[in-house]
Amino acid sequence: MGYKLKTHKGVASRFKVTASGKLKHRHELNSHLRSNRTAKKKRHLGRASILDEGHARRYRRMLAISGLKPNKTRHDRELIEASEAETK
């Protein structure tokens, strides 16, 4: 039996996958010492951002998502589970 691919929970808690397969994340530099930053900087840091594709590829692998289109991956998994349930 092969290795079972599991999601990395640390990555799963820090990133959300969009419908097109991109990874959204929150910015760093938000926890303390914010008084030194300008209002514009604080506004931009409060909004979510899209992770660069180079890093996103590695994190998608850690999330057990193959390539882009995670909704397609989820749909394929559901079809497999449904066919397994029918055979039982």
Protein backbone atom coordinates (compact mmCIF):
# COMPACT_ATOMS: atom_id res chain seq x y z
CA MET A 1 0.00 0.00 0.00
CA GLY A 2 1.30 3.44 -0.90
CA TYR A 3 1.88 6.48 1.25
CA LYS A 4 -1.26 8.39 2.19
CA LEU A 5 -0.88 12.08 1.34
CA LYS A 6 -1.97 14.21 4.30
CA THR A 7 -2.51 17.96 4.49
CA HIS A 8 -0.02 20.02 6.46
CA LYS A 9 -2.23 21.59 9.14
CA GLY A 10 0.07 24.57 9.70
CA VAL A 11 -0.22 25.54 6.05
CA ALA A 12 -3.95 24.80 5.96
CA SER A 13 -4.59 27.23 8.82
CA ARG A 14 -2.60 30.04 7.21
CA PHE A 15 -3.79 29.85 3.59
CA LYS A 16 -7.14 29.72 1.84
CA VAL A 17 -7.46 28.34 -1.68
CA THR A 18 -9.46 30.41 -4.17
CA ALA A 19 -11.66 28.83 -6.84
CA SER A 20 -8.94 29.28 -9.45
CA GLY A 21 -6.35 27.58 -7.21
CA LYS A 22 -4.48 30.65 -5.99
CA LEU A 23 -3.52 30.90 -2.33
CA LYS A 24 -4.71 33.82 -0.21
CA HIS A 25 -2.79 34.76 2.92
CA ARG A 26 -2.71 37.43 5.58
CA HIS A 27 0.18 39.86 5.81
CA GLU A 28 2.87 39.82 8.44
CA LEU A 29 3.84 42.93 10.50
CA ASN A 30 0.36 43.16 12.05
CA SER A 31 0.81 42.03 15.63
CA HIS A 32 2.48 44.93 17.46
CA LEU A 33 4.44 48.19 17.01
CA ARG A 34 1.96 49.41 14.44
CA SER A 35 2.19 53.03 15.55
CA ASN A 36 5.36 53.46 13.49
CA ARG A 37 3.55 52.57 10.27
CA THR A 38 1.60 54.97 8.11
CA ALA A 39 -2.17 54.71 7.77
CA LYS A 40 -1.78 53.61 4.16
CA LYS A 41 0.59 50.81 5.16
CA LYS A 42 -1.74 49.61 7.93
CA ARG A 43 -4.71 49.65 5.53
CA HIS A 44 -2.87 47.52 2.97
CA LEU A 45 -1.56 45.10 5.57
CA GLY A 46 -5.10 44.48 6.80
CA ARG A 47 -6.21 43.10 3.44
CA ALA A 48 -5.52 39.57 2.28
CA SER A 49 -3.01 39.04 -0.50
CA ILE A 50 -2.35 36.41 -3.17
CA LEU A 51 0.79 34.34 -2.68
CA ASP A 52 3.40 34.35 -5.47
CA GLU A 53 3.10 31.33 -7.75
CA GLY A 54 6.60 30.04 -6.99
CA HIS A 55 5.77 29.63 -3.32
CA ALA A 56 2.17 28.62 -4.01
CA ARG A 57 3.27 25.49 -5.90
CA ARG A 58 5.12 24.17 -2.85
CA TYR A 59 2.28 25.00 -0.46
CA ARG A 60 -0.33 23.43 -2.75
CA ARG A 61 1.66 20.21 -2.57
CA MET A 62 1.62 20.50 1.24
CA LEU A 63 -2.15 21.01 1.12
CA ALA A 64 -2.51 17.83 -1.00
CA ILE A 65 -3.92 19.83 -3.93
CA SER A 66 -2.57 18.86 -7.32
CA GLY A 67 -2.07 21.77 -9.71
CA LEU A 68 -4.66 24.48 -10.18
CA LYS A 69 -8.46 24.20 -10.02
CA PRO A 70 -8.94 22.77 -6.51
CA ASN A 71 -12.72 22.61 -7.02
CA LYS A 72 -12.12 20.15 -9.85
CA THR A 73 -9.86 18.11 -7.54
CA ARG A 74 -12.57 18.12 -4.85
CA HIS A 75 -15.19 17.09 -7.42
CA ASP A 76 -12.98 14.24 -8.67
CA ARG A 77 -12.46 13.02 -5.09
CA GLU A 78 -16.21 13.08 -4.46
CA LEU A 79 -16.82 11.04 -7.62
CA ILE A 80 -14.27 8.45 -6.51
CA GLU A 81 -15.83 8.23 -3.04
CA ALA A 82 -19.30 7.89 -4.55
CA SER A 83 -18.19 5.08 -6.86
CA GLU A 84 -16.50 3.30 -3.93
CA ALA A 85 -19.69 3.62 -1.88
CA GLU A 86 -21.73 2.08 -4.75
CA THR A 87 -19.40 -0.92 -5.02
CA LYS A 88 -19.74 -1.69 -1.28
